[in-house]
N, C-alpha and C. Protein backbone atom coordinates (compact mmCIF):
# COMPACT_ATOMS: atom_id res chain seq x y z
N LEU A 1 -95.36 -95.11 -137.31
CA LEU A 1 -95.65 -95.04 -138.73
C LEU A 1 -94.88 -96.13 -139.43
N THR A 2 -95.53 -96.83 -140.31
CA THR A 2 -94.88 -97.83 -141.13
C THR A 2 -95.19 -97.52 -142.58
N MET A 3 -94.19 -97.56 -143.41
CA MET A 3 -94.38 -97.31 -144.84
C MET A 3 -93.97 -98.54 -145.62
N ASN A 4 -94.83 -98.97 -146.52
CA ASN A 4 -94.49 -100.00 -147.50
C ASN A 4 -94.61 -99.32 -148.85
N ASN A 5 -93.58 -99.39 -149.64
CA ASN A 5 -93.47 -98.52 -150.79
C ASN A 5 -93.16 -99.33 -152.05
N SER A 6 -93.90 -99.05 -153.12
CA SER A 6 -93.62 -99.75 -154.37
C SER A 6 -93.18 -98.76 -155.44
N SER A 7 -92.36 -97.79 -155.06
CA SER A 7 -91.90 -96.80 -156.04
C SER A 7 -90.64 -97.30 -156.72
N ASN A 8 -90.20 -96.55 -157.74
CA ASN A 8 -88.97 -96.94 -158.43
C ASN A 8 -87.79 -96.08 -157.99
N ILE A 9 -87.80 -95.58 -156.75
CA ILE A 9 -86.67 -94.82 -156.23
C ILE A 9 -85.55 -95.82 -155.95
N PRO A 10 -84.37 -95.66 -156.57
CA PRO A 10 -83.29 -96.61 -156.34
C PRO A 10 -82.89 -96.65 -154.86
N GLY A 11 -82.64 -97.84 -154.36
CA GLY A 11 -82.22 -97.99 -152.97
C GLY A 11 -83.31 -97.62 -151.99
N GLY A 12 -84.56 -97.76 -152.37
CA GLY A 12 -85.67 -97.30 -151.54
C GLY A 12 -85.89 -98.12 -150.30
N ASN A 13 -84.95 -98.10 -149.39
CA ASN A 13 -85.05 -98.79 -148.12
C ASN A 13 -85.60 -97.80 -147.10
N ASN A 14 -86.82 -98.00 -146.63
CA ASN A 14 -87.46 -97.01 -145.77
C ASN A 14 -87.18 -97.26 -144.30
N ASN A 15 -86.81 -96.21 -143.60
CA ASN A 15 -86.62 -96.22 -142.16
C ASN A 15 -87.49 -95.11 -141.58
N PRO A 16 -88.78 -95.37 -141.37
CA PRO A 16 -89.68 -94.31 -140.95
C PRO A 16 -89.40 -93.81 -139.55
N SER A 17 -89.80 -92.57 -139.28
CA SER A 17 -89.62 -91.98 -137.97
C SER A 17 -90.96 -91.57 -137.39
N LYS A 18 -90.93 -91.06 -136.15
CA LYS A 18 -92.14 -90.62 -135.47
C LYS A 18 -92.61 -89.30 -136.04
N GLY A 19 -93.89 -89.01 -135.81
CA GLY A 19 -94.49 -87.79 -136.33
C GLY A 19 -94.77 -86.77 -135.25
N SER A 20 -95.69 -85.86 -135.56
CA SER A 20 -96.01 -84.78 -134.65
C SER A 20 -97.41 -84.97 -134.07
N ALA A 21 -97.78 -84.12 -133.12
CA ALA A 21 -99.04 -84.25 -132.39
C ALA A 21 -100.22 -83.74 -133.21
N PRO A 22 -101.35 -84.46 -133.17
CA PRO A 22 -102.54 -84.02 -133.90
C PRO A 22 -103.44 -83.16 -133.01
N LEU A 23 -104.36 -82.43 -133.62
CA LEU A 23 -105.43 -81.74 -132.93
C LEU A 23 -106.71 -82.35 -133.45
N ILE A 24 -107.50 -82.96 -132.57
CA ILE A 24 -108.66 -83.73 -132.99
C ILE A 24 -109.92 -83.21 -132.32
N LEU A 25 -110.99 -83.05 -133.10
CA LEU A 25 -112.31 -82.71 -132.60
C LEU A 25 -113.22 -83.89 -132.84
N GLY A 26 -114.10 -84.19 -131.88
CA GLY A 26 -114.96 -85.35 -132.05
C GLY A 26 -116.32 -85.18 -131.41
N ALA A 27 -117.23 -86.06 -131.79
CA ALA A 27 -118.58 -86.10 -131.22
C ALA A 27 -119.02 -87.55 -131.18
N GLY A 28 -119.88 -87.86 -130.22
CA GLY A 28 -120.36 -89.23 -130.12
C GLY A 28 -121.61 -89.31 -129.26
N TYR A 29 -122.22 -90.46 -129.31
CA TYR A 29 -123.42 -90.71 -128.51
C TYR A 29 -123.36 -92.14 -127.99
N ASN A 30 -123.70 -92.33 -126.71
CA ASN A 30 -123.70 -93.66 -126.10
C ASN A 30 -125.13 -94.14 -125.87
N TYR A 31 -125.40 -95.37 -126.32
CA TYR A 31 -126.68 -96.03 -126.08
C TYR A 31 -126.49 -97.01 -124.94
N SER A 32 -127.42 -97.01 -123.98
CA SER A 32 -127.35 -97.95 -122.86
C SER A 32 -127.90 -99.30 -123.31
N ILE A 33 -127.07 -100.34 -123.17
CA ILE A 33 -127.48 -101.70 -123.52
C ILE A 33 -127.97 -102.42 -122.27
N SER A 34 -127.27 -102.22 -121.18
CA SER A 34 -127.64 -102.77 -119.87
C SER A 34 -127.07 -101.83 -118.82
N GLN A 35 -127.19 -102.20 -117.56
CA GLN A 35 -126.74 -101.34 -116.47
C GLN A 35 -125.26 -100.94 -116.61
N ASN A 36 -124.42 -101.85 -117.04
CA ASN A 36 -122.99 -101.56 -117.12
C ASN A 36 -122.42 -101.55 -118.53
N LEU A 37 -123.24 -101.76 -119.54
CA LEU A 37 -122.74 -101.80 -120.91
C LEU A 37 -123.35 -100.69 -121.76
N LEU A 38 -122.48 -100.03 -122.51
CA LEU A 38 -122.89 -98.99 -123.44
C LEU A 38 -122.39 -99.34 -124.83
N LEU A 39 -123.09 -98.84 -125.85
CA LEU A 39 -122.59 -98.92 -127.21
C LEU A 39 -122.55 -97.49 -127.73
N GLY A 40 -121.35 -97.02 -127.98
CA GLY A 40 -121.18 -95.66 -128.48
C GLY A 40 -120.98 -95.65 -129.98
N VAL A 41 -121.42 -94.58 -130.61
CA VAL A 41 -121.13 -94.31 -132.02
C VAL A 41 -120.50 -92.93 -132.05
N GLY A 42 -119.56 -92.73 -132.93
CA GLY A 42 -118.92 -91.42 -132.95
C GLY A 42 -118.13 -91.16 -134.21
N LEU A 43 -117.65 -89.95 -134.27
CA LEU A 43 -116.74 -89.56 -135.34
C LEU A 43 -115.78 -88.53 -134.77
N ASP A 44 -114.59 -88.52 -135.31
CA ASP A 44 -113.63 -87.47 -134.97
C ASP A 44 -112.89 -87.06 -136.23
N TYR A 45 -112.37 -85.84 -136.17
CA TYR A 45 -111.78 -85.23 -137.36
C TYR A 45 -110.53 -84.47 -136.96
N SER A 46 -109.45 -84.72 -137.66
CA SER A 46 -108.19 -84.02 -137.46
C SER A 46 -107.91 -83.21 -138.72
N PHE A 47 -108.11 -81.90 -138.64
CA PHE A 47 -108.04 -81.06 -139.83
C PHE A 47 -106.67 -80.44 -140.07
N LEU A 48 -105.80 -80.42 -139.08
CA LEU A 48 -104.46 -79.86 -139.25
C LEU A 48 -103.55 -80.83 -140.00
N GLU A 49 -102.67 -80.29 -140.85
CA GLU A 49 -101.68 -81.13 -141.51
C GLU A 49 -100.58 -81.43 -140.50
N THR A 50 -100.29 -82.70 -140.29
CA THR A 50 -99.24 -83.10 -139.36
C THR A 50 -98.24 -83.99 -140.07
N THR A 51 -96.98 -83.83 -139.70
CA THR A 51 -95.94 -84.72 -140.23
C THR A 51 -96.09 -86.05 -139.54
N ILE A 52 -96.24 -87.11 -140.33
CA ILE A 52 -96.41 -88.43 -139.73
C ILE A 52 -95.14 -89.27 -139.83
N GLY A 53 -94.12 -88.74 -140.51
CA GLY A 53 -92.86 -89.48 -140.54
C GLY A 53 -92.02 -89.15 -141.75
N THR A 54 -90.83 -89.71 -141.72
CA THR A 54 -89.92 -89.58 -142.86
C THR A 54 -89.39 -90.97 -143.19
N ALA A 55 -89.06 -91.18 -144.44
CA ALA A 55 -88.46 -92.44 -144.86
C ALA A 55 -87.16 -92.10 -145.56
N ASN A 56 -86.04 -92.56 -145.01
CA ASN A 56 -84.73 -92.31 -145.60
C ASN A 56 -84.43 -93.33 -146.68
N ILE A 57 -83.73 -92.88 -147.71
CA ILE A 57 -83.33 -93.77 -148.78
C ILE A 57 -81.86 -94.11 -148.57
N ASN A 58 -81.54 -95.39 -148.60
CA ASN A 58 -80.17 -95.84 -148.39
C ASN A 58 -79.51 -96.14 -149.74
N GLY A 59 -78.23 -96.43 -149.70
CA GLY A 59 -77.51 -96.78 -150.92
C GLY A 59 -77.07 -95.55 -151.68
N ARG A 60 -77.18 -95.60 -152.98
CA ARG A 60 -76.69 -94.54 -153.86
C ARG A 60 -77.29 -93.17 -153.53
N TYR A 61 -78.53 -93.13 -153.07
CA TYR A 61 -79.20 -91.87 -152.77
C TYR A 61 -79.26 -91.60 -151.26
N ALA A 62 -78.32 -92.14 -150.49
CA ALA A 62 -78.31 -91.94 -149.04
C ALA A 62 -78.34 -90.46 -148.71
N GLY A 63 -79.06 -90.13 -147.67
CA GLY A 63 -79.19 -88.72 -147.27
C GLY A 63 -80.38 -88.04 -147.91
N THR A 64 -81.10 -88.77 -148.73
CA THR A 64 -82.32 -88.23 -149.32
C THR A 64 -83.48 -89.08 -148.84
N GLY A 65 -84.67 -88.59 -149.05
CA GLY A 65 -85.82 -89.38 -148.63
C GLY A 65 -87.12 -88.65 -148.84
N THR A 66 -88.11 -89.09 -148.12
CA THR A 66 -89.47 -88.59 -148.27
C THR A 66 -90.02 -88.17 -146.92
N THR A 67 -90.69 -87.02 -146.89
CA THR A 67 -91.43 -86.59 -145.71
C THR A 67 -92.91 -86.85 -146.00
N TYR A 68 -93.59 -87.51 -145.06
CA TYR A 68 -95.01 -87.82 -145.22
C TYR A 68 -95.83 -86.96 -144.28
N LYS A 69 -96.90 -86.35 -144.82
CA LYS A 69 -97.80 -85.54 -144.01
C LYS A 69 -99.23 -86.03 -144.23
N ALA A 70 -99.99 -86.00 -143.15
CA ALA A 70 -101.41 -86.41 -143.22
C ALA A 70 -102.27 -85.23 -142.82
N SER A 71 -103.44 -85.15 -143.42
CA SER A 71 -104.41 -84.12 -143.05
C SER A 71 -105.80 -84.67 -143.32
N ASN A 72 -106.78 -83.95 -142.82
CA ASN A 72 -108.19 -84.30 -143.04
C ASN A 72 -108.49 -85.75 -142.66
N ARG A 73 -107.95 -86.22 -141.52
CA ARG A 73 -108.24 -87.59 -141.08
C ARG A 73 -109.64 -87.61 -140.46
N LEU A 74 -110.48 -88.46 -141.01
CA LEU A 74 -111.85 -88.63 -140.52
C LEU A 74 -112.02 -90.06 -140.07
N ASN A 75 -112.54 -90.24 -138.85
CA ASN A 75 -112.79 -91.56 -138.29
C ASN A 75 -114.27 -91.67 -137.95
N ILE A 76 -114.88 -92.77 -138.33
CA ILE A 76 -116.25 -93.10 -137.95
C ILE A 76 -116.17 -94.45 -137.25
N PHE A 77 -116.71 -94.54 -136.02
CA PHE A 77 -116.45 -95.73 -135.23
C PHE A 77 -117.61 -96.13 -134.31
N LEU A 78 -117.55 -97.38 -133.88
CA LEU A 78 -118.36 -97.91 -132.79
C LEU A 78 -117.47 -97.99 -131.57
N ALA A 79 -118.04 -97.72 -130.40
CA ALA A 79 -117.25 -97.74 -129.16
C ALA A 79 -118.01 -98.46 -128.04
N PRO A 80 -117.91 -99.80 -127.98
CA PRO A 80 -118.53 -100.50 -126.86
C PRO A 80 -117.80 -100.14 -125.57
N GLY A 81 -118.58 -99.89 -124.51
CA GLY A 81 -117.96 -99.46 -123.26
C GLY A 81 -118.50 -100.19 -122.05
N TYR A 82 -117.69 -100.20 -121.01
CA TYR A 82 -118.08 -100.79 -119.73
C TYR A 82 -118.09 -99.69 -118.67
N VAL A 83 -119.24 -99.51 -118.00
CA VAL A 83 -119.39 -98.50 -116.95
C VAL A 83 -118.81 -99.07 -115.66
N ILE A 84 -117.69 -98.49 -115.22
CA ILE A 84 -117.04 -98.95 -113.99
C ILE A 84 -117.84 -98.46 -112.79
N ASP A 85 -118.17 -97.19 -112.78
CA ASP A 85 -119.11 -96.59 -111.83
C ASP A 85 -119.67 -95.33 -112.49
N LYS A 86 -120.46 -94.52 -111.78
CA LYS A 86 -121.15 -93.40 -112.41
C LYS A 86 -120.20 -92.36 -113.01
N ASP A 87 -118.93 -92.37 -112.64
CA ASP A 87 -117.97 -91.39 -113.14
C ASP A 87 -116.86 -91.96 -114.02
N LYS A 88 -116.85 -93.28 -114.24
CA LYS A 88 -115.74 -93.91 -114.96
C LYS A 88 -116.25 -94.84 -116.06
N LEU A 89 -115.60 -94.77 -117.23
CA LEU A 89 -115.97 -95.60 -118.36
C LEU A 89 -114.71 -96.10 -119.08
N ALA A 90 -114.65 -97.40 -119.31
CA ALA A 90 -113.58 -97.99 -120.13
C ALA A 90 -114.24 -98.41 -121.45
N TYR A 91 -113.56 -98.19 -122.57
CA TYR A 91 -114.18 -98.49 -123.85
C TYR A 91 -113.16 -98.90 -124.90
N ALA A 92 -113.67 -99.50 -125.95
CA ALA A 92 -112.87 -99.86 -127.13
C ALA A 92 -113.43 -99.09 -128.31
N LYS A 93 -112.64 -98.96 -129.36
CA LYS A 93 -113.09 -98.30 -130.59
C LYS A 93 -112.72 -99.18 -131.78
N VAL A 94 -113.61 -99.26 -132.75
CA VAL A 94 -113.32 -99.95 -134.00
C VAL A 94 -114.13 -99.25 -135.09
N GLY A 95 -113.47 -98.99 -136.23
CA GLY A 95 -114.20 -98.30 -137.28
C GLY A 95 -113.39 -98.04 -138.52
N TYR A 96 -113.93 -97.14 -139.33
CA TYR A 96 -113.38 -96.76 -140.63
C TYR A 96 -112.59 -95.46 -140.48
N SER A 97 -111.48 -95.34 -141.21
CA SER A 97 -110.66 -94.14 -141.18
C SER A 97 -110.21 -93.78 -142.60
N THR A 98 -110.18 -92.48 -142.88
CA THR A 98 -109.67 -91.99 -144.16
C THR A 98 -108.83 -90.75 -143.88
N GLN A 99 -107.82 -90.52 -144.70
CA GLN A 99 -106.97 -89.34 -144.55
C GLN A 99 -106.34 -88.97 -145.88
N LYS A 100 -105.94 -87.71 -146.00
CA LYS A 100 -105.18 -87.27 -147.17
C LYS A 100 -103.71 -87.46 -146.84
N LEU A 101 -102.96 -88.08 -147.73
CA LEU A 101 -101.54 -88.34 -147.53
C LEU A 101 -100.75 -87.56 -148.58
N LYS A 102 -99.72 -86.85 -148.13
CA LYS A 102 -98.88 -86.04 -149.02
C LYS A 102 -97.43 -86.45 -148.82
N ALA A 103 -96.70 -86.65 -149.90
CA ALA A 103 -95.29 -87.02 -149.83
C ALA A 103 -94.45 -85.96 -150.52
N SER A 104 -93.33 -85.55 -149.86
CA SER A 104 -92.41 -84.57 -150.42
C SER A 104 -90.99 -85.08 -150.30
N TYR A 105 -90.15 -84.76 -151.27
CA TYR A 105 -88.75 -85.17 -151.31
C TYR A 105 -87.91 -84.24 -150.44
N TYR A 106 -86.86 -84.78 -149.78
CA TYR A 106 -85.90 -83.93 -149.07
C TYR A 106 -84.49 -84.45 -149.31
N ASP A 107 -83.51 -83.55 -149.05
CA ASP A 107 -82.10 -83.86 -149.23
C ASP A 107 -81.33 -83.36 -148.01
N ASP A 108 -80.73 -84.28 -147.22
CA ASP A 108 -79.99 -83.91 -146.00
C ASP A 108 -78.72 -83.13 -146.29
N ALA A 109 -78.23 -83.17 -147.52
CA ALA A 109 -76.97 -82.50 -147.86
C ALA A 109 -77.13 -80.97 -147.84
N GLY A 110 -78.31 -80.50 -147.68
CA GLY A 110 -78.54 -79.05 -147.68
C GLY A 110 -79.57 -78.68 -148.72
N PRO A 111 -79.86 -77.40 -148.83
CA PRO A 111 -80.86 -76.96 -149.80
C PRO A 111 -80.48 -77.40 -151.21
N SER A 112 -81.43 -77.93 -151.91
CA SER A 112 -81.20 -78.29 -153.31
C SER A 112 -82.43 -77.88 -154.10
N ALA A 113 -82.28 -77.88 -155.40
CA ALA A 113 -83.39 -77.51 -156.27
C ALA A 113 -84.55 -78.49 -156.10
N CYS A 114 -84.27 -79.68 -155.59
CA CYS A 114 -85.31 -80.71 -155.48
C CYS A 114 -86.03 -80.70 -154.14
N SER A 115 -85.37 -80.26 -153.07
CA SER A 115 -85.97 -80.33 -151.74
C SER A 115 -87.34 -79.67 -151.75
N GLY A 116 -88.30 -80.37 -151.21
CA GLY A 116 -89.65 -79.86 -151.14
C GLY A 116 -90.50 -80.22 -152.35
N ASP A 117 -89.89 -80.81 -153.40
CA ASP A 117 -90.67 -81.24 -154.56
C ASP A 117 -91.74 -82.23 -154.10
N SER A 118 -92.93 -82.08 -154.63
CA SER A 118 -94.02 -82.99 -154.29
C SER A 118 -93.82 -84.32 -154.98
N MET A 119 -94.02 -85.38 -154.23
CA MET A 119 -93.99 -86.72 -154.81
C MET A 119 -95.42 -87.23 -154.97
N GLY A 120 -96.39 -86.38 -154.65
CA GLY A 120 -97.77 -86.74 -154.87
C GLY A 120 -98.63 -86.67 -153.63
N THR A 121 -99.93 -86.72 -153.85
CA THR A 121 -100.92 -86.77 -152.78
C THR A 121 -101.95 -87.83 -153.15
N GLY A 122 -102.62 -88.34 -152.15
CA GLY A 122 -103.67 -89.33 -152.38
C GLY A 122 -104.51 -89.49 -151.14
N ASN A 123 -105.67 -90.10 -151.29
CA ASN A 123 -106.55 -90.37 -150.16
C ASN A 123 -106.39 -91.82 -149.73
N ALA A 124 -106.04 -92.00 -148.46
CA ALA A 124 -105.85 -93.34 -147.89
C ALA A 124 -107.11 -93.74 -147.14
N GLN A 125 -107.49 -95.02 -147.25
CA GLN A 125 -108.64 -95.54 -146.54
C GLN A 125 -108.24 -96.79 -145.79
N GLY A 126 -108.81 -96.97 -144.59
CA GLY A 126 -108.47 -98.14 -143.80
C GLY A 126 -109.34 -98.26 -142.58
N PHE A 127 -108.77 -98.84 -141.52
CA PHE A 127 -109.54 -99.05 -140.30
C PHE A 127 -108.78 -98.51 -139.09
N LEU A 128 -109.51 -98.36 -138.00
CA LEU A 128 -108.90 -97.97 -136.73
C LEU A 128 -109.37 -98.91 -135.65
N ALA A 129 -108.54 -99.09 -134.64
CA ALA A 129 -108.88 -99.86 -133.45
C ALA A 129 -108.23 -99.15 -132.27
N GLY A 130 -108.92 -99.09 -131.15
CA GLY A 130 -108.36 -98.37 -130.01
C GLY A 130 -108.98 -98.78 -128.69
N LEU A 131 -108.35 -98.29 -127.62
CA LEU A 131 -108.83 -98.48 -126.25
C LEU A 131 -108.81 -97.12 -125.57
N GLY A 132 -109.77 -96.89 -124.66
CA GLY A 132 -109.82 -95.60 -123.98
C GLY A 132 -110.43 -95.68 -122.59
N TYR A 133 -110.30 -94.56 -121.89
CA TYR A 133 -110.84 -94.41 -120.53
C TYR A 133 -111.34 -92.98 -120.36
N LYS A 134 -112.55 -92.84 -119.80
CA LYS A 134 -113.12 -91.52 -119.50
C LYS A 134 -113.39 -91.41 -118.01
N GLN A 135 -113.11 -90.22 -117.48
CA GLN A 135 -113.34 -89.93 -116.06
C GLN A 135 -114.09 -88.61 -115.95
N MET A 136 -115.29 -88.62 -115.36
CA MET A 136 -116.04 -87.39 -115.15
C MET A 136 -115.27 -86.50 -114.17
N ILE A 137 -115.24 -85.19 -114.46
CA ILE A 137 -114.54 -84.24 -113.60
C ILE A 137 -115.56 -83.47 -112.78
N ALA A 138 -116.34 -82.61 -113.44
CA ALA A 138 -117.39 -81.83 -112.77
C ALA A 138 -118.21 -81.09 -113.81
N GLY A 139 -119.49 -80.87 -113.51
CA GLY A 139 -120.35 -80.06 -114.34
C GLY A 139 -120.45 -80.51 -115.79
N GLY A 140 -120.41 -81.81 -116.06
CA GLY A 140 -120.50 -82.34 -117.42
C GLY A 140 -119.15 -82.50 -118.11
N PHE A 141 -118.08 -81.96 -117.56
CA PHE A 141 -116.75 -82.10 -118.16
C PHE A 141 -116.12 -83.43 -117.76
N TYR A 142 -115.40 -84.02 -118.70
CA TYR A 142 -114.68 -85.26 -118.41
C TYR A 142 -113.30 -85.20 -119.05
N GLY A 143 -112.39 -85.98 -118.50
CA GLY A 143 -111.08 -86.16 -119.09
C GLY A 143 -111.02 -87.54 -119.72
N PHE A 144 -110.19 -87.70 -120.74
CA PHE A 144 -110.08 -89.01 -121.38
C PHE A 144 -108.66 -89.25 -121.85
N THR A 145 -108.33 -90.52 -121.99
CA THR A 145 -107.09 -90.95 -122.61
C THR A 145 -107.44 -92.08 -123.59
N GLU A 146 -106.71 -92.13 -124.69
CA GLU A 146 -106.94 -93.17 -125.70
C GLU A 146 -105.63 -93.60 -126.33
N ALA A 147 -105.60 -94.84 -126.76
CA ALA A 147 -104.52 -95.36 -127.60
C ALA A 147 -105.20 -95.92 -128.85
N ASN A 148 -104.80 -95.44 -130.03
CA ASN A 148 -105.43 -95.84 -131.28
C ASN A 148 -104.40 -96.35 -132.28
N TYR A 149 -104.82 -97.31 -133.09
CA TYR A 149 -104.00 -97.86 -134.17
C TYR A 149 -104.77 -97.69 -135.47
N TYR A 150 -104.08 -97.23 -136.53
CA TYR A 150 -104.67 -97.03 -137.84
C TYR A 150 -103.90 -97.85 -138.86
N ASN A 151 -104.61 -98.46 -139.80
CA ASN A 151 -103.97 -99.21 -140.86
C ASN A 151 -104.67 -98.86 -142.16
N TYR A 152 -103.89 -98.36 -143.13
CA TYR A 152 -104.43 -97.91 -144.40
C TYR A 152 -103.86 -98.76 -145.54
N GLY A 153 -104.66 -98.96 -146.56
CA GLY A 153 -104.21 -99.66 -147.75
C GLY A 153 -103.30 -98.77 -148.58
N ARG A 154 -102.86 -99.28 -149.69
CA ARG A 154 -101.99 -98.52 -150.59
C ARG A 154 -102.70 -97.29 -151.10
N THR A 155 -101.96 -96.19 -151.16
CA THR A 155 -102.48 -94.91 -151.62
C THR A 155 -101.76 -94.53 -152.89
N SER A 156 -102.46 -94.48 -154.00
CA SER A 156 -101.83 -94.14 -155.27
C SER A 156 -101.48 -92.66 -155.31
N MET A 157 -100.20 -92.36 -155.51
CA MET A 157 -99.72 -90.98 -155.56
C MET A 157 -99.50 -90.50 -156.98
N GLY A 158 -99.72 -91.35 -157.97
CA GLY A 158 -99.55 -90.95 -159.36
C GLY A 158 -98.09 -90.94 -159.77
N THR A 159 -97.76 -90.13 -160.78
CA THR A 159 -96.41 -90.01 -161.32
C THR A 159 -95.87 -88.62 -161.04
N SER A 160 -94.63 -88.52 -160.56
CA SER A 160 -94.01 -87.24 -160.24
C SER A 160 -92.62 -87.15 -160.86
N THR A 161 -92.14 -85.93 -161.06
CA THR A 161 -90.79 -85.69 -161.56
C THR A 161 -90.04 -84.87 -160.53
N LEU A 162 -88.87 -85.35 -160.11
CA LEU A 162 -88.02 -84.64 -159.16
C LEU A 162 -86.84 -84.03 -159.89
N CYS A 163 -86.50 -82.79 -159.59
CA CYS A 163 -85.35 -82.10 -160.19
C CYS A 163 -85.42 -82.11 -161.71
N ASP A 164 -86.60 -82.17 -162.22
CA ASP A 164 -86.82 -82.17 -163.67
C ASP A 164 -86.18 -83.36 -164.37
N THR A 165 -85.69 -84.37 -163.62
CA THR A 165 -85.03 -85.50 -164.28
C THR A 165 -85.51 -86.85 -163.76
N THR A 166 -85.63 -87.02 -162.45
CA THR A 166 -85.99 -88.31 -161.88
C THR A 166 -87.50 -88.48 -161.91
N VAL A 167 -87.97 -89.46 -162.62
CA VAL A 167 -89.41 -89.72 -162.71
C VAL A 167 -89.76 -90.85 -161.76
N ILE A 168 -90.76 -90.60 -160.92
CA ILE A 168 -91.22 -91.61 -159.97
C ILE A 168 -92.60 -92.07 -160.43
N THR A 169 -92.72 -93.35 -160.69
CA THR A 169 -94.01 -93.89 -161.13
C THR A 169 -94.48 -94.95 -160.14
N ASN A 170 -95.75 -95.20 -160.16
CA ASN A 170 -96.35 -96.22 -159.29
C ASN A 170 -95.99 -96.04 -157.83
N PHE A 171 -95.87 -94.80 -157.41
CA PHE A 171 -95.58 -94.52 -156.00
C PHE A 171 -96.86 -94.70 -155.22
N SER A 172 -96.93 -95.78 -154.45
CA SER A 172 -98.17 -96.10 -153.73
C SER A 172 -97.85 -96.69 -152.36
N PRO A 173 -97.49 -95.82 -151.40
CA PRO A 173 -97.17 -96.31 -150.06
C PRO A 173 -98.43 -96.76 -149.32
N SER A 174 -98.26 -97.73 -148.45
CA SER A 174 -99.31 -98.07 -147.50
C SER A 174 -98.81 -97.60 -146.14
N THR A 175 -99.70 -97.13 -145.32
CA THR A 175 -99.29 -96.57 -144.03
C THR A 175 -100.04 -97.23 -142.89
N SER A 176 -99.39 -97.27 -141.76
CA SER A 176 -100.05 -97.60 -140.50
C SER A 176 -99.48 -96.63 -139.48
N ALA A 177 -100.29 -96.31 -138.50
CA ALA A 177 -99.87 -95.32 -137.51
C ALA A 177 -100.56 -95.62 -136.18
N TYR A 178 -100.06 -95.03 -135.14
CA TYR A 178 -100.72 -95.10 -133.84
C TYR A 178 -100.64 -93.73 -133.21
N ASN A 179 -101.58 -93.45 -132.31
CA ASN A 179 -101.48 -92.22 -131.54
C ASN A 179 -101.99 -92.46 -130.13
N PHE A 180 -101.50 -91.63 -129.23
CA PHE A 180 -101.94 -91.62 -127.84
C PHE A 180 -102.54 -90.24 -127.60
N LEU A 181 -103.79 -90.22 -127.16
CA LEU A 181 -104.50 -88.97 -126.97
C LEU A 181 -104.86 -88.77 -125.51
N ALA A 182 -104.86 -87.53 -125.08
CA ALA A 182 -105.38 -87.12 -123.78
C ALA A 182 -106.15 -85.84 -124.04
N GLY A 183 -107.31 -85.70 -123.43
CA GLY A 183 -108.09 -84.50 -123.71
C GLY A 183 -109.21 -84.29 -122.72
N ILE A 184 -109.99 -83.28 -123.03
CA ILE A 184 -111.14 -82.90 -122.20
C ILE A 184 -112.37 -82.87 -123.11
N GLY A 185 -113.48 -83.36 -122.61
CA GLY A 185 -114.73 -83.35 -123.35
C GLY A 185 -115.85 -82.84 -122.49
N TYR A 186 -117.02 -82.71 -123.10
CA TYR A 186 -118.20 -82.25 -122.37
C TYR A 186 -119.36 -83.18 -122.70
N LYS A 187 -120.05 -83.67 -121.67
CA LYS A 187 -121.19 -84.56 -121.82
C LYS A 187 -122.47 -83.73 -121.68
N PHE A 188 -123.30 -83.73 -122.74
CA PHE A 188 -124.57 -82.99 -122.71
C PHE A 188 -125.64 -83.81 -122.04
């Protein structure tokens, strides 16, 4: 996760961290272009809210920061593939991605009146690129692995007030993320 932030939080030096695992459901269809080439179209959806990282604030506000969570990530993509043999497929993915981004304030010093205050929500839009491999198992079931990269433009979070005193304006982080997936699918 990478955060670029244009907020007015003093000392806003971001040091993002890793997030949590997603649960993703997807569907797709492959068109045969030639004996060994396929063109797939698909979509996948991650409906669970997952923590995608934290950004610590250094300087005067050290020990405080922001927790970022993503939900409702929808990807629509093309997936050109190469048929290695009747049971193996290597493919790439490229497409459009959107997600809901939520930011919340935290304080490492312990519980405070501000911890958990919302710093805003917004819808992020961007692109995805990835590589994957599918292996047929038996009876239409296959296993797959993927590595994906997401890059989103700035997401306007609006104006928020923390602890009834600190006003955050123009909070508009841009995010990028990557994930590694392993799963099981079924070919109809």
